[in-house]
Amino acid sequence: MSEILRARLTAGALTAALEATPDRLARLVEGIEAAALDAAPPGEWSTRTVMAHLRDDEFMVMRLRLERMVAEQSPVLTPFDEQAWAASRWLDRDERAQLLEDFRLQRDAATAILRRMPPGHWQRLGSQPEIGTFDLQWWVEHWVEHDVNHLEQIAALLGRPVPA
């Protein structure tokens, strides 16, 4: 687990961490040649694929689960098959600038919900077959950790440090 989640963060700190990811990602891939964005060891995702995953996962999984947990009482959330997504994803929106812009747009929509959410909603419950039952606070902590893991993944692929 990354340092950011060693202690349970406040709602504001978690939201701020999510808000920071688009800028951190942009700094991480700044100046990288297209060939380097597409390079990956066999069987692993390239930087470009990880960027597309962050963008698509934002609206297909992360924000959708957030919205359902805010709007419904204890929704059962559908698992997401990352491998099926990677095998069949739409590749025509994968230019670096487009990926960054689309990710920022999706993230802004998600964090706007978090910023307006009543404090009591952080304890609302949801469940997913492979995870079990969890509250919204845990879900957002997981979301921040997901960001950190993918930023670290990209940094390793590019041989760069993760920007603060």
C-alpha atoms as a PDB file:
ATOM      1  CA  MET A   1       0.000   0.000   0.000  1.00  0.00           C
ATOM      2  CA  SER A   2       1.311   3.440  -0.826  1.00  0.00           C
ATOM      3  CA  GLU A   3       2.184   5.994   1.838  1.00  0.00           C
ATOM      4  CA  ILE A   4      -0.880   8.059   0.945  1.00  0.00           C
ATOM      5  CA  LEU A   5      -3.188   5.390   2.357  1.00  0.00           C
ATOM      6  CA  ARG A   6      -1.263   4.191   5.407  1.00  0.00           C
ATOM      7  CA  ALA A   7      -3.573   6.329   7.537  1.00  0.00           C
ATOM      8  CA  ARG A   8      -7.268   6.808   6.852  1.00  0.00           C
ATOM      9  CA  LEU A   9      -7.491  10.156   5.075  1.00  0.00           C
ATOM     10  CA  THR A  10     -10.286  12.660   5.354  1.00  0.00           C
ATOM     11  CA  ALA A  11     -12.849  12.999   2.592  1.00  0.00           C
ATOM     12  CA  GLY A  12     -11.235  16.268   1.558  1.00  0.00           C
ATOM     13  CA  ALA A  13      -7.753  14.738   1.389  1.00  0.00           C
ATOM     14  CA  LEU A  14      -8.984  11.779  -0.661  1.00  0.00           C
ATOM     15  CA  THR A  15     -10.799  14.091  -3.061  1.00  0.00           C
ATOM     16  CA  ALA A  16      -7.712  16.304  -3.364  1.00  0.00           C
ATOM     17  CA  ALA A  17      -5.587  13.235  -4.146  1.00  0.00           C
ATOM     18  CA  LEU A  18      -7.999  12.262  -6.927  1.00  0.00           C
ATOM     19  CA  GLU A  19      -8.008  15.832  -8.239  1.00  0.00           C
ATOM     20  CA  ALA A  20      -4.205  15.839  -8.429  1.00  0.00           C
ATOM     21  CA  THR A  21      -3.878  12.721 -10.590  1.00  0.00           C
ATOM     22  CA  PRO A  22      -4.544  14.302 -14.014  1.00  0.00           C
ATOM     23  CA  ASP A  23      -1.749  16.857 -13.463  1.00  0.00           C
ATOM     24  CA  ARG A  24       0.608  14.206 -12.100  1.00  0.00           C
ATOM     25  CA  LEU A  25      -0.106  11.989 -15.121  1.00  0.00           C
ATOM     26  CA  ALA A  26       0.434  14.877 -17.546  1.00  0.00           C
ATOM     27  CA  ARG A  27       3.803  15.712 -15.958  1.00  0.00           C
ATOM     28  CA  LEU A  28       4.806  12.046 -16.009  1.00  0.00           C
ATOM     29  CA  VAL A  29       4.246  11.630 -19.772  1.00  0.00           C
ATOM     30  CA  GLU A  30       5.346  15.117 -20.805  1.00  0.00           C
ATOM     31  CA  GLY A  31       7.879  15.048 -23.644  1.00  0.00           C
ATOM     32  CA  ILE A  32       7.739  11.275 -24.096  1.00  0.00           C
ATOM     33  CA  GLU A  33       7.962  10.127 -27.715  1.00  0.00           C
ATOM     34  CA  ALA A  34       5.060   8.149 -29.187  1.00  0.00           C
ATOM     35  CA  ALA A  35       7.218   5.026 -29.527  1.00  0.00           C
ATOM     36  CA  ALA A  36       7.996   5.110 -25.805  1.00  0.00           C
ATOM     37  CA  LEU A  37       4.289   5.521 -24.999  1.00  0.00           C
ATOM     38  CA  ASP A  38       3.649   2.305 -26.927  1.00  0.00           C
ATOM     39  CA  ALA A  39       6.570   0.258 -25.591  1.00  0.00           C
ATOM     40  CA  ALA A  40       5.884  -2.485 -23.071  1.00  0.00           C
ATOM     41  CA  PRO A  41       7.411  -5.754 -21.960  1.00  0.00           C
ATOM     42  CA  PRO A  42       5.632  -8.816 -23.402  1.00  0.00           C
ATOM     43  CA  GLY A  43       2.273  -9.389 -21.774  1.00  0.00           C
ATOM     44  CA  GLU A  44       2.132  -5.965 -20.091  1.00  0.00           C
ATOM     45  CA  TRP A  45       0.243  -2.821 -20.982  1.00  0.00           C
ATOM     46  CA  SER A  46       2.038   0.103 -22.594  1.00  0.00           C
ATOM     47  CA  THR A  47       1.902   3.583 -21.098  1.00  0.00           C
ATOM     48  CA  ARG A  48      -0.688   4.539 -23.719  1.00  0.00           C
ATOM     49  CA  THR A  49      -2.862   1.565 -22.751  1.00  0.00           C
ATOM     50  CA  VAL A  50      -2.578   2.408 -19.042  1.00  0.00           C
ATOM     51  CA  MET A  51      -3.570   6.012 -19.832  1.00  0.00           C
ATOM     52  CA  ALA A  52      -6.584   4.756 -21.806  1.00  0.00           C
ATOM     53  CA  HIS A  53      -7.450   2.436 -18.929  1.00  0.00           C
ATOM     54  CA  LEU A  54      -7.403   5.334 -16.462  1.00  0.00           C
ATOM     55  CA  ARG A  55      -9.662   7.372 -18.747  1.00  0.00           C
ATOM     56  CA  ASP A  56     -12.141   4.591 -19.512  1.00  0.00           C
ATOM     57  CA  ASP A  57     -12.136   3.118 -16.017  1.00  0.00           C
ATOM     58  CA  GLU A  58     -13.014   6.555 -14.666  1.00  0.00           C
ATOM     59  CA  PHE A  59     -16.450   6.671 -16.280  1.00  0.00           C
ATOM     60  CA  MET A  60     -17.138   2.970 -16.819  1.00  0.00           C
ATOM     61  CA  VAL A  61     -16.228   1.809 -13.301  1.00  0.00           C
ATOM     62  CA  MET A  62     -15.072   4.352 -10.738  1.00  0.00           C
ATOM     63  CA  ARG A  63     -17.563   7.171 -11.193  1.00  0.00           C
ATOM     64  CA  LEU A  64     -20.394   4.798 -12.050  1.00  0.00           C
ATOM     65  CA  ARG A  65     -19.899   2.974  -8.746  1.00  0.00           C
ATOM     66  CA  LEU A  66     -19.682   6.272  -6.903  1.00  0.00           C
ATOM     67  CA  GLU A  67     -22.933   7.492  -8.463  1.00  0.00           C
ATOM     68  CA  ARG A  68     -24.732   4.240  -7.723  1.00  0.00           C
ATOM     69  CA  MET A  69     -23.576   4.233  -4.091  1.00  0.00           C
ATOM     70  CA  VAL A  70     -24.735   7.830  -3.683  1.00  0.00           C
ATOM     71  CA  ALA A  71     -28.106   7.259  -5.372  1.00  0.00           C
ATOM     72  CA  GLU A  72     -29.036   3.706  -4.311  1.00  0.00           C
ATOM     73  CA  GLN A  73     -29.261   1.858  -1.025  1.00  0.00           C
ATOM     74  CA  SER A  74     -26.543  -0.837  -0.940  1.00  0.00           C
ATOM     75  CA  PRO A  75     -26.233  -1.464  -4.695  1.00  0.00           C
ATOM     76  CA  VAL A  76     -24.658  -4.658  -5.986  1.00  0.00           C
ATOM     77  CA  LEU A  77     -21.932  -3.455  -8.341  1.00  0.00           C
ATOM     78  CA  THR A  78     -20.903  -5.334 -11.457  1.00  0.00           C
ATOM     79  CA  PRO A  79     -17.304  -6.551 -11.748  1.00  0.00           C
ATOM     80  CA  PHE A  80     -15.234  -5.050 -14.569  1.00  0.00           C
ATOM     81  CA  ASP A  81     -13.209  -7.329 -16.838  1.00  0.00           C
ATOM     82  CA  GLU A  82     -10.008  -5.373 -17.575  1.00  0.00           C
ATOM     83  CA  GLN A  83      -8.665  -8.029 -19.928  1.00  0.00           C
ATOM     84  CA  ALA A  84     -11.817  -7.991 -22.063  1.00  0.00           C
ATOM     85  CA  TRP A  85     -11.664  -4.186 -22.101  1.00  0.00           C
ATOM     86  CA  ALA A  86      -8.008  -4.230 -23.216  1.00  0.00           C
ATOM     87  CA  ALA A  87      -8.714  -6.763 -25.971  1.00  0.00           C
ATOM     88  CA  SER A  88     -11.661  -4.890 -27.449  1.00  0.00           C
ATOM     89  CA  ARG A  89     -11.176  -1.232 -26.567  1.00  0.00           C
ATOM     90  CA  TRP A  90     -11.668   1.590 -29.064  1.00  0.00           C
ATOM     91  CA  LEU A  91      -8.220   2.795 -30.160  1.00  0.00           C
ATOM     92  CA  ASP A  92      -9.196   5.924 -32.121  1.00  0.00           C
ATOM     93  CA  ARG A  93      -9.068   8.219 -29.053  1.00  0.00           C
ATOM     94  CA  ASP A  94      -5.559   7.367 -27.955  1.00  0.00           C
ATOM     95  CA  GLU A  95      -3.481  10.409 -28.820  1.00  0.00           C
ATOM     96  CA  ARG A  96      -1.654  11.591 -25.702  1.00  0.00           C
ATOM     97  CA  ALA A  97      -3.363  15.002 -25.615  1.00  0.00           C
ATOM     98  CA  GLN A  98      -6.801  13.429 -26.104  1.00  0.00           C
ATOM     99  CA  LEU A  99      -6.185  10.815 -23.402  1.00  0.00           C
ATOM    100  CA  LEU A 100      -5.085  13.487 -20.931  1.00  0.00           C
ATOM    101  CA  GLU A 101      -7.969  15.825 -21.803  1.00  0.00           C
ATOM    102  CA  ASP A 102     -10.598  13.091 -21.629  1.00  0.00           C
ATOM    103  CA  PHE A 103      -9.225  11.742 -18.348  1.00  0.00           C
ATOM    104  CA  ARG A 104      -9.267  15.224 -16.807  1.00  0.00           C
ATOM    105  CA  LEU A 105     -12.855  15.771 -17.976  1.00  0.00           C
ATOM    106  CA  GLN A 106     -13.987  12.457 -16.474  1.00  0.00           C
ATOM    107  CA  ARG A 107     -12.080  13.028 -13.235  1.00  0.00           C
ATOM    108  CA  ASP A 108     -13.483  16.550 -12.847  1.00  0.00           C
ATOM    109  CA  ALA A 109     -17.001  15.120 -13.084  1.00  0.00           C
ATOM    110  CA  ALA A 110     -16.214  12.547 -10.389  1.00  0.00           C
ATOM    111  CA  THR A 111     -14.559  14.938  -7.961  1.00  0.00           C
ATOM    112  CA  ALA A 112     -17.402  17.434  -8.377  1.00  0.00           C
ATOM    113  CA  ILE A 113     -19.711  14.739  -6.987  1.00  0.00           C
ATOM    114  CA  LEU A 114     -17.354  14.052  -4.084  1.00  0.00           C
ATOM    115  CA  ARG A 115     -17.037  17.758  -3.254  1.00  0.00           C
ATOM    116  CA  ARG A 116     -20.834  18.187  -3.074  1.00  0.00           C
ATOM    117  CA  MET A 117     -21.581  14.941  -1.267  1.00  0.00           C
ATOM    118  CA  PRO A 118     -23.007  15.208   2.256  1.00  0.00           C
ATOM    119  CA  PRO A 119     -20.573  13.921   4.927  1.00  0.00           C
ATOM    120  CA  GLY A 120     -22.890  11.055   5.905  1.00  0.00           C
ATOM    121  CA  HIS A 121     -22.717   9.579   2.421  1.00  0.00           C
ATOM    122  CA  TRP A 122     -19.117   8.452   2.975  1.00  0.00           C
ATOM    123  CA  GLN A 123     -20.556   5.569   5.050  1.00  0.00           C
ATOM    124  CA  ARG A 124     -23.062   4.434   2.396  1.00  0.00           C
ATOM    125  CA  LEU A 125     -22.614   0.792   1.431  1.00  0.00           C
ATOM    126  CA  GLY A 126     -22.184  -1.093  -1.797  1.00  0.00           C
ATOM    127  CA  SER A 127     -21.049  -4.600  -2.622  1.00  0.00           C
ATOM    128  CA  GLN A 128     -19.319  -6.453  -5.378  1.00  0.00           C
ATOM    129  CA  PRO A 129     -19.065 -10.246  -5.692  1.00  0.00           C
ATOM    130  CA  GLU A 130     -15.248 -10.460  -5.661  1.00  0.00           C
ATOM    131  CA  ILE A 131     -14.775  -7.789  -2.975  1.00  0.00           C
ATOM    132  CA  GLY A 132     -17.728  -8.094  -0.635  1.00  0.00           C
ATOM    133  CA  THR A 133     -19.441  -5.200   1.140  1.00  0.00           C
ATOM    134  CA  PHE A 134     -17.666  -1.884   1.592  1.00  0.00           C
ATOM    135  CA  ASP A 135     -18.468   1.735   2.330  1.00  0.00           C
ATOM    136  CA  LEU A 136     -17.923   4.710   0.059  1.00  0.00           C
ATOM    137  CA  GLN A 137     -14.918   5.835   2.109  1.00  0.00           C
ATOM    138  CA  TRP A 138     -13.215   2.500   1.386  1.00  0.00           C
ATOM    139  CA  TRP A 139     -14.183   2.743  -2.291  1.00  0.00           C
ATOM    140  CA  VAL A 140     -12.574   6.179  -2.660  1.00  0.00           C
ATOM    141  CA  GLU A 141      -9.467   4.976  -0.792  1.00  0.00           C
ATOM    142  CA  HIS A 142      -9.297   2.096  -3.287  1.00  0.00           C
ATOM    143  CA  TRP A 143      -9.733   4.595  -6.128  1.00  0.00           C
ATOM    144  CA  VAL A 144      -6.793   6.698  -4.897  1.00  0.00           C
ATOM    145  CA  GLU A 145      -4.686   3.547  -4.553  1.00  0.00           C
ATOM    146  CA  HIS A 146      -5.669   2.568  -8.107  1.00  0.00           C
ATOM    147  CA  ASP A 147      -4.345   5.923  -9.324  1.00  0.00           C
ATOM    148  CA  VAL A 148      -1.101   5.524  -7.384  1.00  0.00           C
ATOM    149  CA  ASN A 149      -0.557   1.990  -8.699  1.00  0.00           C
ATOM    150  CA  HIS A 150      -1.009   3.075 -12.308  1.00  0.00           C
ATOM    151  CA  LEU A 151       1.176   6.160 -11.931  1.00  0.00           C
ATOM    152  CA  GLU A 152       3.892   3.884 -10.515  1.00  0.00           C
ATOM    153  CA  GLN A 153       3.337   1.442 -13.370  1.00  0.00           C
ATOM    154  CA  ILE A 154       3.796   4.197 -15.968  1.00  0.00           C
ATOM    155  CA  ALA A 155       6.824   5.600 -14.139  1.00  0.00           C
ATOM    156  CA  ALA A 156       8.464   2.159 -14.223  1.00  0.00           C
ATOM    157  CA  LEU A 157       7.717   1.770 -17.951  1.00  0.00           C
ATOM    158  CA  LEU A 158       9.210   5.202 -18.698  1.00  0.00           C
ATOM    159  CA  GLY A 159      12.084   5.051 -16.224  1.00  0.00           C
ATOM    160  CA  ARG A 160      10.917   8.246 -14.543  1.00  0.00           C
ATOM    161  CA  PRO A 161       9.932   9.129 -10.983  1.00  0.00           C
ATOM    162  CA  VAL A 162       6.272   9.658 -10.149  1.00  0.00           C
ATOM    163  CA  PRO A 163       5.655  13.427  -9.901  1.00  0.00           C
ATOM    164  CA  ALA A 164       4.463  14.710  -6.541  1.00  0.00           C
END
